[in-house]
Amino acid sequence: MDFSELFKLSGLLGRFSPDGKCLASCVQYRLVVRDVNTLRILQLYTCLDQIQYIEWSSDSLFILCAMYKRGIVQVWSLEQPDWHCKIDEGSAGLVASCWSPDGRHILNTTEFHLRITVWSLCTKSVSYIKYPKACQQGIAFTRDGRYMAVAERRDCKDFISIFVCSDWQLLRHFGTETQDLFGIEWAPNGCVLAAWDTCLEYKILLYSLDGRLLSTYQAYEWSLGIKSIAWSPSSQFLAIGSYDEKVRILNHVTWKKITEFEHPATIANKRTIVYKEVENSPSVETERLSFPPTRALASSLFSTQSKYDISQVPVSLRYVKPVADRANPKMGIGMLAFSPDNCFLATKNDNIPNAVWIWDIQKLKLFVVLEQLCAIQSFQWDPRQPRLAVCTGSSRVYLWSPAGCVSVQVPVEGDFQIVSLSWRSSGDSMALLSKDNFCVCYLEREEV
């Protein structure tokens, strides 16, 4: 495993291009595009203000930079560095911006969610979508890029509109049986759309492409409901994480629950492997000590090393009781992700912030728990194989695969707290992001 040097970063804005050849990063108002393998700067673009969001087009030829405070989006071309495009929403303002799947249209959501403006880079034409709902996940595209679903709010009722992305024509428009629609997400095969209600109401609705209600699932009433959802890559399973610290798995045939995964504070099953991160200071022989100590010796004297021990079951995990009188309590299943081969599901229970739970989907049971020293900030699966990368706000990155797990110290000077990470599409490297810096980690294919 090799690491690059540290590069400056702002706003956690570091993104691999979809083809995996380039890495874009932002430093205040500058956009830097590097070659992934050499990290040589390919292009340097200067925007009109501090960049708050970036996104690559699907063909990796354009980059969108959104400056929400100014209501401006700037688009840059990798093939033609002299070409650029500026979209100014003016007094309407700007709260969100994204690419369409074809990489030639930009969808801007104006302030107060008055409308979505669809700008064409090819024809310079503009289309408008009225009444978009101000919710967590209000726009969803099918994976093949053919259809777009938009959550809408009209006359105090929730609706969903489905558009054809080729010409932005309305295909279907239907009302949803929700109190306050919170998000929508297509199954990977594009056949089913999941829509779920606000956390005050446990309800998830499943619609077909033509707007028919296929099923409604409600696990309980009169308590905080759904917190996160994730489709399996095969579209066979829908995992629903809720505030009661459980994950429920629905199947794609009947849309009924096939099992539920609990996240107790004590792991009692002897078949579950619990990896516990432990820290120890390296021992240095007194004969090697010299004053003043060499730089390498000084860093080894004061640095702590981390490794995993296999804990003896039963194991008690650190449990945090949520503050009852605060909004958005730190409780329930806050993170969910299926492995690309459909075999594993990784989850995080916010009541037990230091643990990652890995479930075997074929056997529908708990397989592994990783107990970290610090709270989990982010985790993400390798896009090519069942390998999970985890970061905890320290200068270490953790990797798990069915073969075992490993803790790796990033060899950089100074304070480098990794709070986010992202894999390259080929799975042979990943970007490790802190608040002010980032580095690239290069992996061998057979590591872990």
Protein backbone atom coordinates (compact mmCIF):
# COMPACT_ATOMS: atom_id res chain seq x y z
CA MET A 1 0.00 0.00 0.00
CA ASP A 2 1.42 3.40 -1.03
CA PHE A 3 0.37 6.93 -0.09
CA SER A 4 0.82 10.20 -1.92
CA GLU A 5 1.88 13.44 -0.24
CA LEU A 6 -0.80 15.72 1.22
CA PHE A 7 -2.55 18.27 -1.02
CA LYS A 8 -4.65 21.23 0.08
CA LEU A 9 -8.45 20.87 0.04
CA SER A 10 -11.50 22.84 1.10
CA GLY A 11 -15.06 21.74 1.79
CA LEU A 12 -14.24 18.00 1.45
CA LEU A 13 -14.50 18.56 -2.32
CA GLY A 14 -12.37 15.80 -3.83
CA ARG A 15 -13.91 13.59 -6.55
CA PHE A 16 -12.63 10.87 -8.88
CA SER A 17 -13.90 11.12 -12.46
CA PRO A 18 -16.33 8.30 -13.42
CA ASP A 19 -13.75 6.81 -15.81
CA GLY A 20 -11.17 6.78 -12.99
CA LYS A 21 -8.53 8.74 -14.91
CA CYS A 22 -8.71 12.11 -13.13
CA LEU A 23 -9.15 13.48 -9.64
CA ALA A 24 -10.73 16.91 -9.10
CA SER A 25 -10.21 18.88 -5.90
CA CYS A 26 -11.09 22.39 -4.73
CA VAL A 27 -9.04 24.96 -2.84
CA GLN A 28 -11.34 27.91 -2.06
CA TYR A 29 -12.23 29.26 -5.55
CA ARG A 30 -9.74 27.12 -7.51
CA LEU A 31 -10.53 23.80 -9.17
CA VAL A 32 -7.52 21.50 -9.63
CA VAL A 33 -7.70 18.46 -11.93
CA ARG A 34 -4.93 15.85 -11.56
CA ASP A 35 -3.95 12.66 -13.31
CA VAL A 36 -4.79 9.87 -10.83
CA ASN A 37 -1.66 7.78 -11.45
CA THR A 38 0.97 10.55 -11.37
CA LEU A 39 -1.02 13.28 -9.52
CA ARG A 40 0.39 15.75 -12.04
CA ILE A 41 -1.86 18.81 -12.49
CA LEU A 42 -3.68 18.55 -15.82
CA GLN A 43 -5.89 21.66 -15.52
CA LEU A 44 -6.28 24.56 -13.11
CA TYR A 45 -9.52 26.57 -13.26
CA THR A 46 -10.42 29.74 -11.36
CA CYS A 47 -14.07 30.27 -10.36
CA LEU A 48 -15.85 33.52 -9.49
CA ASP A 49 -16.30 32.66 -5.79
CA GLN A 50 -15.64 29.93 -3.25
CA ILE A 51 -16.79 26.56 -4.63
CA GLN A 52 -19.39 24.79 -2.49
CA TYR A 53 -20.13 21.74 -4.65
CA ILE A 54 -18.53 19.91 -7.60
CA GLU A 55 -19.77 17.08 -9.81
CA TRP A 56 -18.33 15.28 -12.84
CA SER A 57 -20.44 14.64 -15.92
CA SER A 58 -21.10 10.94 -16.60
CA ASP A 59 -18.59 10.85 -19.51
CA SER A 60 -15.85 12.59 -17.43
CA LEU A 61 -15.55 15.44 -19.97
CA PHE A 62 -17.07 18.28 -17.91
CA ILE A 63 -17.02 19.45 -14.30
CA LEU A 64 -19.77 21.48 -12.67
CA CYS A 65 -18.84 23.92 -9.87
CA ALA A 66 -21.72 25.39 -7.84
CA MET A 67 -21.42 28.61 -5.83
CA TYR A 68 -24.71 28.63 -3.94
CA LYS A 69 -24.09 31.96 -2.16
CA ARG A 70 -23.77 33.73 -5.52
CA GLY A 71 -26.48 31.68 -7.29
CA ILE A 72 -23.96 30.74 -9.97
CA VAL A 73 -22.86 27.47 -11.61
CA GLN A 74 -19.69 27.32 -13.73
CA VAL A 75 -18.94 24.41 -16.05
CA TRP A 76 -15.44 23.54 -17.28
CA SER A 77 -14.36 21.29 -20.15
CA LEU A 78 -11.38 18.95 -19.87
CA GLU A 79 -11.03 18.56 -23.64
CA GLN A 80 -11.25 22.30 -24.38
CA PRO A 81 -9.77 24.25 -21.43
CA ASP A 82 -10.65 27.60 -23.07
CA TRP A 83 -14.36 26.74 -23.25
CA HIS A 84 -16.47 27.41 -20.21
CA CYS A 85 -20.08 28.02 -19.31
CA LYS A 86 -21.64 30.22 -16.62
CA ILE A 87 -25.24 29.81 -15.44
CA ASP A 88 -26.56 32.63 -13.25
CA GLU A 89 -29.90 32.00 -11.55
CA GLY A 90 -30.04 35.67 -10.52
CA SER A 91 -32.61 36.70 -7.92
CA ALA A 92 -34.15 33.19 -7.92
CA GLY A 93 -31.07 31.97 -6.03
CA LEU A 94 -29.63 28.46 -5.95
CA VAL A 95 -29.78 25.66 -3.35
CA ALA A 96 -28.84 22.56 -5.39
CA SER A 97 -27.27 21.66 -8.73
CA CYS A 98 -26.63 18.35 -10.50
CA TRP A 99 -25.94 16.76 -13.89
CA SER A 100 -28.48 14.81 -15.89
CA PRO A 101 -27.33 11.26 -16.78
CA ASP A 102 -26.39 12.28 -20.36
CA GLY A 103 -23.85 14.81 -19.06
CA ARG A 104 -25.24 17.58 -21.28
CA HIS A 105 -27.99 19.07 -19.09
CA ILE A 106 -27.73 20.76 -15.69
CA LEU A 107 -30.59 20.78 -13.17
CA ASN A 108 -30.62 23.78 -10.81
CA THR A 109 -33.03 24.02 -7.88
CA THR A 110 -33.85 27.63 -6.98
CA GLU A 111 -34.22 29.06 -3.48
CA PHE A 112 -37.38 28.13 -1.56
CA HIS A 113 -37.72 25.23 -4.04
CA LEU A 114 -39.80 27.37 -6.40
CA ARG A 115 -38.70 25.38 -9.46
CA ILE A 116 -36.04 23.20 -11.06
CA THR A 117 -34.40 24.77 -14.13
CA VAL A 118 -33.04 22.35 -16.74
CA TRP A 119 -30.26 23.97 -18.81
CA SER A 120 -29.01 22.34 -22.02
CA LEU A 121 -25.31 22.79 -22.81
CA CYS A 122 -25.89 21.75 -26.45
CA THR A 123 -28.89 23.86 -27.51
CA LYS A 124 -28.79 26.47 -24.68
CA SER A 125 -32.52 25.83 -24.21
CA VAL A 126 -34.17 26.00 -20.78
CA SER A 127 -36.99 23.87 -19.31
CA TYR A 128 -38.76 24.34 -16.00
CA ILE A 129 -40.16 21.84 -13.50
CA LYS A 130 -42.55 23.42 -11.01
CA TYR A 131 -43.29 22.67 -7.35
CA PRO A 132 -40.20 20.55 -6.39
CA LYS A 133 -40.41 19.47 -2.78
CA ALA A 134 -37.83 20.64 -0.26
CA CYS A 135 -36.76 17.24 1.04
CA GLN A 136 -33.60 15.23 1.66
CA GLN A 137 -33.63 13.31 -1.61
CA GLY A 138 -36.08 14.87 -4.03
CA ILE A 139 -34.56 13.96 -7.44
CA ALA A 140 -33.73 10.39 -8.50
CA PHE A 141 -32.47 9.05 -11.85
CA THR A 142 -32.68 5.44 -13.02
CA ARG A 143 -29.25 3.83 -13.41
CA ASP A 144 -29.64 3.55 -17.20
CA GLY A 145 -30.31 7.31 -17.34
CA ARG A 146 -33.65 7.05 -19.10
CA TYR A 147 -36.03 8.33 -16.42
CA MET A 148 -36.06 10.90 -13.65
CA ALA A 149 -38.41 11.00 -10.66
CA VAL A 150 -39.08 14.30 -8.85
CA ALA A 151 -40.80 14.68 -5.48
CA GLU A 152 -43.34 17.53 -5.57
CA ARG A 153 -45.57 19.38 -3.12
CA ARG A 154 -48.80 20.99 -4.36
CA ASP A 155 -51.77 22.20 -2.31
CA CYS A 156 -50.28 20.68 0.87
CA LYS A 157 -50.12 17.20 -0.74
CA ASP A 158 -47.19 15.09 -1.95
CA PHE A 159 -46.81 14.00 -5.58
CA ILE A 160 -44.21 12.28 -7.74
CA SER A 161 -43.60 13.16 -11.40
CA ILE A 162 -41.65 10.84 -13.70
CA PHE A 163 -39.93 12.44 -16.71
CA VAL A 164 -38.23 10.98 -19.79
CA CYS A 165 -34.66 12.33 -19.69
CA SER A 166 -34.20 12.43 -23.48
CA ASP A 167 -36.73 15.25 -24.01
CA TRP A 168 -37.89 16.12 -20.42
CA GLN A 169 -41.48 15.14 -21.27
CA LEU A 170 -43.75 14.18 -18.37
CA LEU A 171 -44.42 10.43 -18.38
CA ARG A 172 -46.45 10.00 -15.16
CA HIS A 173 -47.75 12.19 -12.36
CA PHE A 174 -49.35 10.69 -9.27
CA GLY A 175 -50.09 11.47 -5.63
CA THR A 176 -48.40 9.57 -2.78
CA GLU A 177 -49.96 8.38 0.45
CA THR A 178 -47.43 10.21 2.62
CA GLN A 179 -47.82 12.81 5.35
CA ASP A 180 -44.53 14.53 4.46
CA LEU A 181 -42.49 12.79 1.73
CA PHE A 182 -38.82 12.67 2.77
CA GLY A 183 -37.01 10.93 -0.10
CA ILE A 184 -37.21 8.81 -3.25
CA GLU A 185 -34.79 6.26 -4.72
CA TRP A 186 -34.93 3.94 -7.74
CA ALA A 187 -33.99 0.27 -7.53
CA PRO A 188 -30.77 -0.36 -9.54
CA ASN A 189 -32.78 -2.14 -12.29
CA GLY A 190 -35.01 0.95 -12.69
CA CYS A 191 -38.29 -0.99 -12.27
CA VAL A 192 -39.33 0.12 -8.77
CA LEU A 193 -39.28 3.51 -7.03
CA ALA A 194 -39.11 3.63 -3.23
CA ALA A 195 -40.65 6.67 -1.51
CA TRP A 196 -40.52 7.09 2.25
CA ASP A 197 -42.17 9.37 4.77
CA THR A 198 -40.74 11.78 7.32
CA CYS A 199 -39.14 10.28 10.46
CA LEU A 200 -42.37 11.02 12.37
CA GLU A 201 -44.24 8.37 10.36
CA TYR A 202 -42.88 4.87 9.58
CA LYS A 203 -44.00 4.31 6.00
CA ILE A 204 -42.29 3.25 2.78
CA LEU A 205 -44.18 3.02 -0.52
CA LEU A 206 -43.05 1.12 -3.63
CA TYR A 207 -44.20 2.29 -7.06
CA SER A 208 -43.81 0.84 -10.54
CA LEU A 209 -42.55 2.93 -13.47
CA ASP A 210 -46.14 3.63 -14.56
CA GLY A 211 -47.08 4.97 -11.12
CA ARG A 212 -48.92 1.93 -9.73
CA LEU A 213 -48.56 1.39 -5.98
CA LEU A 214 -47.00 -2.06 -5.65
CA SER A 215 -46.79 -2.22 -1.88
CA THR A 216 -46.76 -0.26 1.37
CA TYR A 217 -44.63 -1.29 4.33
CA GLN A 218 -45.11 -0.03 7.87
CA ALA A 219 -43.19 -1.72 10.72
CA TYR A 220 -44.73 0.18 13.65
CA GLU A 221 -46.63 3.33 14.59
CA TRP A 222 -46.38 6.24 17.04
CA SER A 223 -42.60 6.36 17.17
CA LEU A 224 -39.70 7.77 15.12
CA GLY A 225 -39.56 5.88 11.83
CA ILE A 226 -37.19 5.48 8.86
CA LYS A 227 -33.67 6.95 9.03
CA SER A 228 -31.88 5.39 6.01
CA ILE A 229 -32.50 2.99 3.12
CA ALA A 230 -30.31 1.04 0.68
CA TRP A 231 -31.11 -1.10 -2.36
CA SER A 232 -29.02 -4.21 -2.98
CA PRO A 233 -27.09 -4.08 -6.32
CA SER A 234 -29.28 -6.92 -7.67
CA SER A 235 -32.51 -5.03 -6.72
CA GLN A 236 -33.64 -8.17 -4.84
CA PHE A 237 -33.49 -6.61 -1.37
CA LEU A 238 -34.39 -3.28 0.16
CA ALA A 239 -32.74 -2.57 3.53
CA ILE A 240 -34.54 -0.07 5.79
CA GLY A 241 -32.70 1.39 8.78
CA SER A 242 -34.88 2.92 11.47
CA TYR A 243 -34.70 4.81 14.73
CA ASP A 244 -35.48 1.66 16.77
CA GLU A 245 -31.88 0.44 16.04
CA LYS A 246 -33.03 -2.28 13.61
CA VAL A 247 -32.58 -2.96 9.90
CA ARG A 248 -35.48 -4.63 8.11
CA ILE A 249 -34.92 -6.45 4.82
CA LEU A 250 -37.76 -6.56 2.27
CA ASN A 251 -37.73 -8.99 -0.68
CA HIS A 252 -38.55 -7.98 -4.28
CA VAL A 253 -41.23 -10.65 -4.88
CA THR A 254 -43.82 -9.91 -2.19
CA TRP A 255 -42.25 -6.72 -0.71
CA LYS A 256 -42.72 -8.30 2.71
CA LYS A 257 -40.11 -8.39 5.47
CA ILE A 258 -37.89 -11.49 5.32
CA THR A 259 -35.78 -10.68 8.39
CA GLU A 260 -34.72 -7.92 10.72
CA PHE A 261 -31.23 -7.24 12.05
CA GLU A 262 -30.92 -6.00 15.64
CA HIS A 263 -27.91 -4.03 16.92
CA PRO A 264 -27.59 -4.88 20.64
CA ALA A 265 -24.89 -3.39 22.87
CA THR A 266 -23.69 -6.90 23.81
CA ILE A 267 -22.57 -9.42 21.17
CA ALA A 268 -23.32 -12.88 22.56
CA ASN A 269 -23.32 -15.16 19.50
CA LYS A 270 -20.13 -17.24 19.45
CA ARG A 271 -20.22 -17.46 15.64
CA THR A 272 -19.80 -13.68 15.28
CA ILE A 273 -16.22 -12.43 14.91
CA VAL A 274 -15.53 -9.21 16.83
CA TYR A 275 -12.41 -7.31 15.78
CA LYS A 276 -11.39 -4.77 18.43
CA GLU A 277 -8.96 -1.98 17.60
CA VAL A 278 -6.21 -1.65 20.22
CA GLU A 279 -3.43 0.91 20.50
CA ASN A 280 0.06 0.31 21.78
CA SER A 281 3.18 2.46 21.94
CA PRO A 282 6.14 0.95 20.09
CA SER A 283 9.04 -0.22 22.23
CA VAL A 284 12.43 1.32 21.45
CA GLU A 285 15.68 -0.23 22.70
CA THR A 286 17.57 2.15 24.99
CA GLU A 287 20.79 1.50 23.07
CA ARG A 288 19.22 3.15 20.02
CA LEU A 289 18.32 6.33 21.90
CA SER A 290 20.38 9.35 20.96
CA PHE A 291 19.98 12.97 22.04
CA PRO A 292 18.80 14.89 20.25
CA PRO A 293 16.89 11.95 18.71
CA THR A 294 16.71 11.60 14.94
CA ARG A 295 13.46 12.68 13.27
CA ALA A 296 12.46 9.07 12.45
CA LEU A 297 13.18 7.94 16.01
CA ALA A 298 11.30 10.88 17.52
CA SER A 299 8.21 10.18 15.42
CA SER A 300 8.29 6.47 16.35
CA LEU A 301 8.74 7.31 20.05
CA PHE A 302 5.65 9.50 20.24
CA SER A 303 3.37 7.76 17.74
CA THR A 304 1.03 4.98 18.74
CA GLN A 305 0.39 1.95 16.60
CA SER A 306 -3.00 0.38 16.13
CA LYS A 307 -3.97 -3.19 15.31
CA TYR A 308 -6.97 -5.48 15.60
CA ASP A 309 -7.44 -8.16 18.25
CA ILE A 310 -10.16 -10.80 18.03
CA SER A 311 -12.31 -10.38 21.16
CA GLN A 312 -13.74 -13.26 23.15
CA VAL A 313 -17.54 -13.34 22.99
CA PRO A 314 -19.62 -12.03 24.81
CA VAL A 315 -18.42 -8.49 24.06
CA SER A 316 -19.96 -5.28 25.40
CA LEU A 317 -19.82 -2.33 22.99
CA ARG A 318 -19.80 1.33 24.03
CA TYR A 319 -23.43 2.48 24.05
CA VAL A 320 -24.39 6.17 23.99
CA LYS A 321 -27.79 7.14 25.34
CA PRO A 322 -29.35 9.82 23.07
CA VAL A 323 -30.35 13.20 24.50
CA ALA A 324 -34.15 13.02 24.57
CA ASP A 325 -34.96 16.74 24.31
CA ARG A 326 -32.86 17.51 21.20
CA ALA A 327 -33.87 17.49 17.53
CA ASN A 328 -32.28 14.86 15.24
CA PRO A 329 -31.23 12.54 18.08
CA LYS A 330 -28.06 10.45 17.62
CA MET A 331 -29.87 7.14 17.53
CA GLY A 332 -30.89 4.47 15.06
CA ILE A 333 -29.33 3.20 11.83
CA GLY A 334 -27.57 6.16 10.24
CA MET A 335 -25.51 4.34 7.58
CA LEU A 336 -26.29 1.38 5.29
CA ALA A 337 -24.35 -0.02 2.32
CA PHE A 338 -24.45 -3.29 0.35
CA SER A 339 -21.23 -4.79 -1.02
CA PRO A 340 -21.00 -4.80 -4.86
CA ASP A 341 -21.34 -8.62 -5.04
CA ASN A 342 -24.58 -8.53 -3.00
CA CYS A 343 -23.06 -10.78 -0.29
CA PHE A 344 -22.66 -8.34 2.61
CA LEU A 345 -24.42 -5.39 4.22
CA ALA A 346 -22.49 -2.87 6.36
CA THR A 347 -24.43 -0.84 8.93
CA LYS A 348 -23.80 1.70 11.67
CA ASN A 349 -26.05 2.17 14.70
CA ASP A 350 -25.69 5.77 15.91
CA ASN A 351 -26.30 4.63 19.51
CA ILE A 352 -23.08 2.55 19.23
CA PRO A 353 -20.95 5.07 17.29
CA ASN A 354 -17.65 3.14 17.37
CA ALA A 355 -18.85 -0.06 15.68
CA VAL A 356 -19.39 -1.22 12.09
CA TRP A 357 -21.69 -4.24 11.69
CA ILE A 358 -21.21 -6.52 8.68
CA TRP A 359 -24.06 -8.90 7.87
CA ASP A 360 -23.94 -12.01 5.67
CA ILE A 361 -26.85 -11.54 3.23
CA GLN A 362 -26.79 -15.15 1.96
CA LYS A 363 -27.22 -16.54 5.50
CA LEU A 364 -29.11 -13.47 6.81
CA LYS A 365 -27.06 -13.27 10.00
CA LEU A 366 -24.38 -11.14 11.66
CA PHE A 367 -20.93 -12.03 10.35
CA VAL A 368 -18.43 -9.50 11.76
CA VAL A 369 -18.35 -6.48 14.07
CA LEU A 370 -15.47 -3.97 13.90
CA GLU A 371 -15.09 -2.10 17.20
CA GLN A 372 -13.03 1.06 16.69
CA LEU A 373 -11.40 3.38 19.25
CA CYS A 374 -13.12 6.46 17.75
CA ALA A 375 -16.56 7.11 16.26
CA ILE A 376 -17.12 5.96 12.66
CA GLN A 377 -17.10 8.96 10.29
CA SER A 378 -17.57 7.14 6.98
CA PHE A 379 -17.33 3.75 5.29
CA GLN A 380 -17.49 2.70 1.66
CA TRP A 381 -17.25 -0.57 -0.28
CA ASP A 382 -14.63 -1.21 -2.94
CA PRO A 383 -16.65 -1.07 -6.22
CA ARG A 384 -15.01 -4.26 -7.55
CA GLN A 385 -14.85 -6.69 -4.59
CA PRO A 386 -16.18 -7.20 -1.04
CA ARG A 387 -13.66 -4.92 0.69
CA LEU A 388 -14.81 -2.21 3.09
CA ALA A 389 -12.79 0.94 3.89
CA VAL A 390 -13.55 2.74 7.16
CA CYS A 391 -12.35 6.06 8.63
CA THR A 392 -12.82 7.42 12.16
CA GLY A 393 -11.41 10.96 12.12
CA SER A 394 -7.89 9.71 12.92
CA SER A 395 -4.86 9.49 10.61
CA ARG A 396 -5.54 5.79 9.97
CA VAL A 397 -7.58 3.97 7.36
CA TYR A 398 -9.11 0.57 8.10
CA LEU A 399 -9.81 -2.17 5.57
CA TRP A 400 -11.96 -5.27 6.03
CA SER A 401 -12.50 -8.20 3.69
CA PRO A 402 -13.65 -11.80 4.37
CA ALA A 403 -9.93 -12.66 4.74
CA GLY A 404 -9.52 -10.34 7.74
CA CYS A 405 -8.98 -6.69 8.58
CA VAL A 406 -6.08 -4.31 8.93
CA SER A 407 -5.35 -0.86 10.37
CA VAL A 408 -2.98 1.31 8.32
CA GLN A 409 -1.31 4.50 9.54
CA VAL A 410 -1.08 7.17 6.83
CA PRO A 411 2.62 8.20 6.86
CA VAL A 412 2.27 11.99 6.92
CA GLU A 413 3.61 14.65 9.24
CA GLY A 414 1.23 16.76 11.26
CA ASP A 415 -2.44 16.31 12.02
CA PHE A 416 -4.34 14.50 9.24
CA GLN A 417 -7.83 13.55 10.43
CA ILE A 418 -9.60 11.45 7.78
CA VAL A 419 -13.33 12.21 7.89
CA SER A 420 -14.34 10.99 4.41
CA LEU A 421 -13.08 8.61 1.74
CA SER A 422 -14.01 7.58 -1.78
CA TRP A 423 -12.92 4.71 -4.03
CA ARG A 424 -11.71 5.01 -7.60
CA SER A 425 -13.98 3.08 -9.99
CA SER A 426 -11.26 0.46 -10.63
CA GLY A 427 -10.93 -0.25 -6.88
CA ASP A 428 -7.11 0.07 -6.89
CA SER A 429 -6.92 3.44 -5.08
CA MET A 430 -8.95 5.75 -2.90
CA ALA A 431 -8.96 9.40 -1.87
CA LEU A 432 -8.68 10.08 1.87
CA LEU A 433 -10.13 13.48 2.77
CA SER A 434 -9.67 15.66 5.85
CA LYS A 435 -11.00 19.15 6.48
CA ASP A 436 -7.98 20.89 4.93
CA ASN A 437 -6.05 18.19 3.03
CA PHE A 438 -6.33 15.00 1.03
CA CYS A 439 -4.05 12.21 -0.10
CA VAL A 440 -4.40 9.23 -2.43
CA CYS A 441 -3.90 5.68 -1.18
CA TYR A 442 -2.80 3.12 -3.82
CA LEU A 443 -3.60 -0.53 -3.12
CA GLU A 444 -2.50 -3.84 -4.53
CA ARG A 445 -5.34 -5.95 -5.89
CA GLU A 446 -4.75 -8.85 -3.50
CA GLU A 447 -4.28 -6.77 -0.32
CA VAL A 448 -6.20 -7.68 2.86
